[in-house]
């Protein structure tokens, strides 16, 4: 059964590649990448009023700070200025 599933997946991949090729011949742009929206943490950060990116230290406030291991008196000495 696993061989049959792998064969089926290979056939699907081949058909998709054919479709992409034929679309490109006709000048159609094939978009197979899914546009990802904001993550749950991004939405949660925005709801808390934090306008910083997740990679910015300013975003380590509230629950985000405690999840990262920071909090009041736990070693983070940065102030927004």
PDB file of N, CA and C in Angstrom:
ATOM      1  N   UNK A   1       0.809  -1.207   0.000  1.00  0.00           N
ATOM      2  CA  UNK A   1       0.000   0.000   0.000  1.00  0.00           C
ATOM      3  C   UNK A   1       0.854   1.274   0.000  1.00  0.00           C
ATOM      4  N   UNK A   2       1.954   1.337   0.787  1.00  0.00           N
ATOM      5  CA  UNK A   2       2.767   2.558   0.750  1.00  0.00           C
ATOM      6  C   UNK A   2       3.358   2.837  -0.636  1.00  0.00           C
ATOM      7  N   UNK A   3       3.676   1.754  -1.377  1.00  0.00           N
ATOM      8  CA  UNK A   3       4.218   1.942  -2.729  1.00  0.00           C
ATOM      9  C   UNK A   3       3.174   2.568  -3.643  1.00  0.00           C
ATOM     10  N   UNK A   4       1.940   2.154  -3.479  1.00  0.00           N
ATOM     11  CA  UNK A   4       0.850   2.694  -4.286  1.00  0.00           C
ATOM     12  C   UNK A   4       0.633   4.173  -3.991  1.00  0.00           C
ATOM     13  N   UNK A   5       0.708   4.546  -2.717  1.00  0.00           N
ATOM     14  CA  UNK A   5       0.542   5.956  -2.319  1.00  0.00           C
ATOM     15  C   UNK A   5       1.673   6.799  -2.885  1.00  0.00           C
ATOM     16  N   UNK A   6       2.906   6.293  -2.812  1.00  0.00           N
ATOM     17  CA  UNK A   6       4.048   7.038  -3.351  1.00  0.00           C
ATOM     18  C   UNK A   6       3.944   7.181  -4.866  1.00  0.00           C
ATOM     19  N   UNK A   7       3.465   6.132  -5.532  1.00  0.00           N
ATOM     20  CA  UNK A   7       3.264   6.204  -6.979  1.00  0.00           C
ATOM     21  C   UNK A   7       2.221   7.258  -7.328  1.00  0.00           C
ATOM     22  N   UNK A   8       1.136   7.285  -6.559  1.00  0.00           N
ATOM     23  CA  UNK A   8       0.078   8.268  -6.788  1.00  0.00           C
ATOM     24  C   UNK A   8       0.594   9.690  -6.577  1.00  0.00           C
ATOM     25  N   UNK A   9       1.393   9.906  -5.502  1.00  0.00           N
ATOM     26  CA  UNK A   9       1.965  11.230  -5.245  1.00  0.00           C
ATOM     27  C   UNK A   9       2.907  11.649  -6.363  1.00  0.00           C
ATOM     28  N   UNK A  10       3.680  10.713  -6.882  1.00  0.00           N
ATOM     29  CA  UNK A  10       4.599  11.016  -7.982  1.00  0.00           C
ATOM     30  C   UNK A  10       3.824  11.392  -9.245  1.00  0.00           C
ATOM     31  N   UNK A  11       2.712  10.692  -9.494  1.00  0.00           N
ATOM     32  CA  UNK A  11       1.882  11.024 -10.654  1.00  0.00           C
ATOM     33  C   UNK A  11       1.279  12.422 -10.501  1.00  0.00           C
ATOM     34  N   UNK A  12       0.827  12.757  -9.306  1.00  0.00           N
ATOM     35  CA  UNK A  12       0.270  14.097  -9.068  1.00  0.00           C
ATOM     36  C   UNK A  12       1.328  15.171  -9.287  1.00  0.00           C
ATOM     37  N   UNK A  13       2.528  14.915  -8.809  1.00  0.00           N
ATOM     38  CA  UNK A  13       3.618  15.888  -8.971  1.00  0.00           C
ATOM     39  C   UNK A  13       3.941  16.085 -10.449  1.00  0.00           C
ATOM     40  N   UNK A  14       3.984  14.995 -11.208  1.00  0.00           N
ATOM     41  CA  UNK A  14       4.254  15.083 -12.639  1.00  0.00           C
ATOM     42  C   UNK A  14       3.180  15.888 -13.354  1.00  0.00           C
ATOM     43  N   UNK A  15       1.916  15.634 -13.018  1.00  0.00           N
ATOM     44  CA  UNK A  15       0.814  16.379 -13.634  1.00  0.00           C
ATOM     45  C   UNK A  15       0.888  17.866 -13.286  1.00  0.00           C
ATOM     46  N   UNK A  16       1.222  18.169 -12.047  1.00  0.00           N
ATOM     47  CA  UNK A  16       1.330  19.573 -11.654  1.00  0.00           C
ATOM     48  C   UNK A  16       2.458  20.269 -12.410  1.00  0.00           C
ATOM     49  N   UNK A  17       3.588  19.589 -12.580  1.00  0.00           N
ATOM     50  CA  UNK A  17       4.695  20.172 -13.328  1.00  0.00           C
ATOM     51  C   UNK A  17       4.311  20.409 -14.784  1.00  0.00           C
ATOM     52  N   UNK A  18       3.534  19.488 -15.369  1.00  0.00           N
ATOM     53  CA  UNK A  18       3.050  19.677 -16.740  1.00  0.00           C
ATOM     54  C   UNK A  18       2.159  20.912 -16.830  1.00  0.00           C
ATOM     55  N   UNK A  19       1.265  21.052 -15.849  1.00  0.00           N
ATOM     56  CA  UNK A  19       0.357  22.216 -15.842  1.00  0.00           C
ATOM     57  C   UNK A  19       1.138  23.520 -15.722  1.00  0.00           C
ATOM     58  N   UNK A  20       2.149  23.531 -14.864  1.00  0.00           N
ATOM     59  CA  UNK A  20       2.973  24.735 -14.703  1.00  0.00           C
ATOM     60  C   UNK A  20       3.680  25.064 -16.009  1.00  0.00           C
ATOM     61  N   UNK A  21       4.218  24.044 -16.666  1.00  0.00           N
ATOM     62  CA  UNK A  21       4.928  24.258 -17.922  1.00  0.00           C
ATOM     63  C   UNK A  21       3.995  24.811 -18.992  1.00  0.00           C
ATOM     64  N   UNK A  22       2.823  24.190 -19.140  1.00  0.00           N
ATOM     65  CA  UNK A  22       1.866  24.659 -20.139  1.00  0.00           C
ATOM     66  C   UNK A  22       1.375  26.072 -19.826  1.00  0.00           C
ATOM     67  N   UNK A  23       1.208  26.379 -18.546  1.00  0.00           N
ATOM     68  CA  UNK A  23       0.790  27.729 -18.160  1.00  0.00           C
ATOM     69  C   UNK A  23       1.883  28.736 -18.495  1.00  0.00           C
ATOM     70  N   UNK A  24       3.136  28.367 -18.264  1.00  0.00           N
ATOM     71  CA  UNK A  24       4.226  29.304 -18.567  1.00  0.00           C
ATOM     72  C   UNK A  24       4.363  29.529 -20.063  1.00  0.00           C
ATOM     73  N   UNK A  25       4.062  28.514 -20.871  1.00  0.00           N
ATOM     74  CA  UNK A  25       4.082  28.704 -22.325  1.00  0.00           C
ATOM     75  C   UNK A  25       3.029  29.705 -22.778  1.00  0.00           C
ATOM     76  N   UNK A  26       1.917  29.746 -22.075  1.00  0.00           N
ATOM     77  CA  UNK A  26       0.846  30.670 -22.417  1.00  0.00           C
ATOM     78  C   UNK A  26       1.015  32.027 -21.745  1.00  0.00           C
ATOM     79  N   UNK A  27       2.072  32.183 -20.964  1.00  0.00           N
ATOM     80  CA  UNK A  27       2.342  33.458 -20.318  1.00  0.00           C
ATOM     81  C   UNK A  27       1.594  33.665 -19.019  1.00  0.00           C
ATOM     82  N   UNK A  28       1.085  32.586 -18.457  1.00  0.00           N
ATOM     83  CA  UNK A  28       0.342  32.675 -17.202  1.00  0.00           C
ATOM     84  C   UNK A  28       1.303  32.455 -16.056  1.00  0.00           C
ATOM     85  N   UNK A  29       1.250  33.351 -15.099  1.00  0.00           N
ATOM     86  CA  UNK A  29       2.125  33.223 -13.936  1.00  0.00           C
ATOM     87  C   UNK A  29       1.489  32.248 -12.945  1.00  0.00           C
ATOM     88  N   UNK A  30       2.202  31.198 -12.605  1.00  0.00           N
ATOM     89  CA  UNK A  30       1.696  30.162 -11.707  1.00  0.00           C
ATOM     90  C   UNK A  30       2.115  30.492 -10.287  1.00  0.00           C
ATOM     91  N   UNK A  31       1.167  30.719  -9.421  1.00  0.00           N
ATOM     92  CA  UNK A  31       1.432  31.052  -8.027  1.00  0.00           C
ATOM     93  C   UNK A  31       1.154  29.834  -7.164  1.00  0.00           C
ATOM     94  N   UNK A  32       2.192  29.107  -6.791  1.00  0.00           N
ATOM     95  CA  UNK A  32       1.975  27.951  -5.935  1.00  0.00           C
ATOM     96  C   UNK A  32       2.382  28.218  -4.490  1.00  0.00           C
ATOM     97  N   UNK A  33       2.972  29.361  -4.243  1.00  0.00           N
ATOM     98  CA  UNK A  33       3.327  29.708  -2.875  1.00  0.00           C
ATOM     99  C   UNK A  33       2.126  30.342  -2.189  1.00  0.00           C
ATOM    100  N   UNK A  34       1.840  29.882  -1.018  1.00  0.00           N
ATOM    101  CA  UNK A  34       0.709  30.393  -0.251  1.00  0.00           C
ATOM    102  C   UNK A  34       1.159  31.644   0.502  1.00  0.00           C
ATOM    103  N   UNK A  35       0.400  32.703   0.354  1.00  0.00           N
ATOM    104  CA  UNK A  35       0.697  33.928   1.076  1.00  0.00           C
ATOM    105  C   UNK A  35       0.281  33.747   2.528  1.00  0.00           C
ATOM    106  N   UNK A  36       1.256  33.830   3.415  1.00  0.00           N
ATOM    107  CA  UNK A  36       0.947  33.651   4.826  1.00  0.00           C
ATOM    108  C   UNK A  36       0.646  34.988   5.474  1.00  0.00           C
ATOM    109  N   UNK A  37      -0.338  34.980   6.311  1.00  0.00           N
ATOM    110  CA  UNK A  37      -0.721  36.172   7.037  1.00  0.00           C
ATOM    111  C   UNK A  37       0.064  36.275   8.335  1.00  0.00           C
ATOM    112  N   UNK A  38      -0.334  37.189   9.184  1.00  0.00           N
ATOM    113  CA  UNK A  38       0.359  37.346  10.459  1.00  0.00           C
ATOM    114  C   UNK A  38       0.122  36.140  11.367  1.00  0.00           C
ATOM    115  N   UNK A  39       1.088  35.861  12.227  1.00  0.00           N
ATOM    116  CA  UNK A  39       0.957  34.754  13.166  1.00  0.00           C
ATOM    117  C   UNK A  39       0.057  35.167  14.324  1.00  0.00           C
ATOM    118  N   UNK A  40      -0.333  34.197  15.117  1.00  0.00           N
ATOM    119  CA  UNK A  40      -1.175  34.476  16.271  1.00  0.00           C
ATOM    120  C   UNK A  40      -0.453  35.408  17.231  1.00  0.00           C
ATOM    121  N   UNK A  41       0.861  35.194  17.403  1.00  0.00           N
ATOM    122  CA  UNK A  41       1.633  36.051  18.305  1.00  0.00           C
ATOM    123  C   UNK A  41       1.683  37.487  17.804  1.00  0.00           C
ATOM    124  N   UNK A  42       1.757  37.673  16.476  1.00  0.00           N
ATOM    125  CA  UNK A  42       1.746  39.023  15.915  1.00  0.00           C
ATOM    126  C   UNK A  42       0.424  39.728  16.215  1.00  0.00           C
ATOM    127  N   UNK A  43      -0.675  39.012  16.049  1.00  0.00           N
ATOM    128  CA  UNK A  43      -1.995  39.591  16.320  1.00  0.00           C
ATOM    129  C   UNK A  43      -2.143  39.889  17.807  1.00  0.00           C
ATOM    130  N   UNK A  44      -1.679  38.967  18.640  1.00  0.00           N
ATOM    131  CA  UNK A  44      -1.755  39.151  20.091  1.00  0.00           C
ATOM    132  C   UNK A  44      -0.911  40.352  20.532  1.00  0.00           C
ATOM    133  N   UNK A  45       0.281  40.486  19.940  1.00  0.00           N
ATOM    134  CA  UNK A  45       1.166  41.610  20.270  1.00  0.00           C
ATOM    135  C   UNK A  45       0.510  42.929  19.876  1.00  0.00           C
ATOM    136  N   UNK A  46      -0.127  42.955  18.706  1.00  0.00           N
ATOM    137  CA  UNK A  46      -0.800  44.173  18.245  1.00  0.00           C
ATOM    138  C   UNK A  46      -1.985  44.506  19.150  1.00  0.00           C
ATOM    139  N   UNK A  47      -2.717  43.484  19.611  1.00  0.00           N
ATOM    140  CA  UNK A  47      -3.853  43.712  20.508  1.00  0.00           C
ATOM    141  C   UNK A  47      -3.406  44.264  21.846  1.00  0.00           C
ATOM    142  N   UNK A  48      -2.197  43.919  22.272  1.00  0.00           N
ATOM    143  CA  UNK A  48      -1.668  44.430  23.537  1.00  0.00           C
ATOM    144  C   UNK A  48      -1.097  45.840  23.383  1.00  0.00           C
ATOM    145  N   UNK A  49      -1.074  46.353  22.145  1.00  0.00           N
ATOM    146  CA  UNK A  49      -0.574  47.703  21.910  1.00  0.00           C
ATOM    147  C   UNK A  49       0.923  47.765  21.695  1.00  0.00           C
ATOM    148  N   UNK A  50       1.545  46.634  21.424  1.00  0.00           N
ATOM    149  CA  UNK A  50       2.986  46.594  21.175  1.00  0.00           C
ATOM    150  C   UNK A  50       3.198  46.679  19.675  1.00  0.00           C
ATOM    151  N   UNK A  51       3.852  47.743  19.226  1.00  0.00           N
ATOM    152  CA  UNK A  51       4.056  47.952  17.796  1.00  0.00           C
ATOM    153  C   UNK A  51       5.398  47.432  17.305  1.00  0.00           C
ATOM    154  N   UNK A  52       6.098  46.642  18.100  1.00  0.00           N
ATOM    155  CA  UNK A  52       7.416  46.146  17.735  1.00  0.00           C
ATOM    156  C   UNK A  52       7.319  44.777  17.069  1.00  0.00           C
ATOM    157  N   UNK A  53       8.312  44.478  16.255  1.00  0.00           N
ATOM    158  CA  UNK A  53       8.429  43.176  15.617  1.00  0.00           C
ATOM    159  C   UNK A  53       8.811  42.133  16.664  1.00  0.00           C
ATOM    160  N   UNK A  54       8.550  40.862  16.384  1.00  0.00           N
ATOM    161  CA  UNK A  54       8.860  39.818  17.353  1.00  0.00           C
ATOM    162  C   UNK A  54      10.351  39.701  17.620  1.00  0.00           C
ATOM    163  N   UNK A  55      11.195  40.172  16.699  1.00  0.00           N
ATOM    164  CA  UNK A  55      12.639  40.110  16.886  1.00  0.00           C
ATOM    165  C   UNK A  55      13.176  41.305  17.669  1.00  0.00           C
ATOM    166  N   UNK A  56      12.331  42.267  17.956  1.00  0.00           N
ATOM    167  CA  UNK A  56      12.731  43.459  18.700  1.00  0.00           C
ATOM    168  C   UNK A  56      12.547  43.216  20.195  1.00  0.00           C
ATOM    169  N   UNK A  57      13.503  43.671  20.990  1.00  0.00           N
ATOM    170  CA  UNK A  57      13.454  43.456  22.432  1.00  0.00           C
ATOM    171  C   UNK A  57      12.291  44.198  23.076  1.00  0.00           C
ATOM    172  N   UNK A  58      11.806  45.238  22.437  1.00  0.00           N
ATOM    173  CA  UNK A  58      10.678  46.001  22.965  1.00  0.00           C
ATOM    174  C   UNK A  58       9.415  45.128  23.006  1.00  0.00           C
ATOM    175  N   UNK A  59       9.353  44.114  22.150  1.00  0.00           N
ATOM    176  CA  UNK A  59       8.179  43.246  22.131  1.00  0.00           C
ATOM    177  C   UNK A  59       8.128  42.309  23.328  1.00  0.00           C
ATOM    178  N   UNK A  60       9.185  42.228  24.112  1.00  0.00           N
ATOM    179  CA  UNK A  60       9.194  41.366  25.301  1.00  0.00           C
ATOM    180  C   UNK A  60       8.543  42.087  26.468  1.00  0.00           C
ATOM    181  N   UNK A  61       7.235  42.130  26.435  1.00  0.00           N
ATOM    182  CA  UNK A  61       6.453  42.752  27.492  1.00  0.00           C
ATOM    183  C   UNK A  61       5.354  41.796  27.911  1.00  0.00           C
ATOM    184  N   UNK A  62       4.957  41.851  29.156  1.00  0.00           N
ATOM    185  CA  UNK A  62       3.838  41.049  29.644  1.00  0.00           C
ATOM    186  C   UNK A  62       4.092  39.558  29.516  1.00  0.00           C
ATOM    187  N   UNK A  63       3.126  38.861  28.938  1.00  0.00           N
ATOM    188  CA  UNK A  63       3.232  37.405  28.788  1.00  0.00           C
ATOM    189  C   UNK A  63       4.388  37.000  27.889  1.00  0.00           C
ATOM    190  N   UNK A  64       4.697  37.833  26.889  1.00  0.00           N
ATOM    191  CA  UNK A  64       5.799  37.512  25.997  1.00  0.00           C
ATOM    192  C   UNK A  64       7.118  37.491  26.756  1.00  0.00           C
ATOM    193  N   UNK A  65       7.287  38.397  27.713  1.00  0.00           N
ATOM    194  CA  UNK A  65       8.510  38.430  28.511  1.00  0.00           C
ATOM    195  C   UNK A  65       8.602  37.196  29.402  1.00  0.00           C
ATOM    196  N   UNK A  66       7.502  36.812  30.018  1.00  0.00           N
ATOM    197  CA  UNK A  66       7.544  35.641  30.897  1.00  0.00           C
ATOM    198  C   UNK A  66       7.760  34.357  30.104  1.00  0.00           C
ATOM    199  N   UNK A  67       7.231  34.284  28.889  1.00  0.00           N
ATOM    200  CA  UNK A  67       7.454  33.113  28.043  1.00  0.00           C
ATOM    201  C   UNK A  67       8.907  33.011  27.616  1.00  0.00           C
ATOM    202  N   UNK A  68       9.551  34.162  27.412  1.00  0.00           N
ATOM    203  CA  UNK A  68      10.954  34.171  27.007  1.00  0.00           C
ATOM    204  C   UNK A  68      11.896  34.032  28.193  1.00  0.00           C
ATOM    205  N   UNK A  69      11.355  34.023  29.415  1.00  0.00           N
ATOM    206  CA  UNK A  69      12.197  33.872  30.593  1.00  0.00           C
ATOM    207  C   UNK A  69      12.606  35.195  31.204  1.00  0.00           C
ATOM    208  N   UNK A  70      11.964  36.256  30.781  1.00  0.00           N
ATOM    209  CA  UNK A  70      12.244  37.578  31.329  1.00  0.00           C
ATOM    210  C   UNK A  70      11.029  38.053  32.111  1.00  0.00           C
ATOM    211  N   UNK A  71      11.252  38.938  32.988  1.00  0.00           N
ATOM    212  CA  UNK A  71      10.161  39.525  33.748  1.00  0.00           C
ATOM    213  C   UNK A  71      10.729  40.532  34.716  1.00  0.00           C
ATOM    214  N   UNK A  72       9.909  41.020  35.608  1.00  0.00           N
ATOM    215  CA  UNK A  72      10.370  42.007  36.576  1.00  0.00           C
ATOM    216  C   UNK A  72      11.426  41.374  37.461  1.00  0.00           C
ATOM    217  N   UNK A  73      12.598  41.983  37.472  1.00  0.00           N
ATOM    218  CA  UNK A  73      13.698  41.506  38.297  1.00  0.00           C
ATOM    219  C   UNK A  73      14.349  40.227  37.795  1.00  0.00           C
ATOM    220  N   UNK A  74      14.129  39.867  36.523  1.00  0.00           N
ATOM    221  CA  UNK A  74      14.702  38.628  36.011  1.00  0.00           C
ATOM    222  C   UNK A  74      15.821  38.868  35.005  1.00  0.00           C
ATOM    223  N   UNK A  75      16.397  40.042  34.987  1.00  0.00           N
ATOM    224  CA  UNK A  75      17.592  40.246  34.190  1.00  0.00           C
ATOM    225  C   UNK A  75      17.469  41.061  32.920  1.00  0.00           C
ATOM    226  N   UNK A  76      16.330  41.584  32.592  1.00  0.00           N
ATOM    227  CA  UNK A  76      16.241  42.421  31.404  1.00  0.00           C
ATOM    228  C   UNK A  76      16.322  43.870  31.849  1.00  0.00           C
ATOM    229  N   UNK A  77      17.310  44.579  31.366  1.00  0.00           N
ATOM    230  CA  UNK A  77      17.524  45.948  31.786  1.00  0.00           C
ATOM    231  C   UNK A  77      17.417  46.925  30.642  1.00  0.00           C
ATOM    232  N   UNK A  78      16.385  46.840  29.862  1.00  0.00           N
ATOM    233  CA  UNK A  78      16.185  47.712  28.722  1.00  0.00           C
ATOM    234  C   UNK A  78      14.977  48.594  28.979  1.00  0.00           C
ATOM    235  N   UNK A  79      15.118  49.856  28.656  1.00  0.00           N
ATOM    236  CA  UNK A  79      13.976  50.745  28.781  1.00  0.00           C
ATOM    237  C   UNK A  79      13.730  51.422  27.455  1.00  0.00           C
ATOM    238  N   UNK A  80      12.483  51.575  27.117  1.00  0.00           N
ATOM    239  CA  UNK A  80      12.105  52.211  25.855  1.00  0.00           C
ATOM    240  C   UNK A  80      12.251  53.707  26.024  1.00  0.00           C
ATOM    241  N   UNK A  81      13.044  54.321  25.174  1.00  0.00           N
ATOM    242  CA  UNK A  81      13.296  55.739  25.359  1.00  0.00           C
ATOM    243  C   UNK A  81      13.104  56.584  24.223  1.00  0.00           C
TER     244      UNK A  81
END
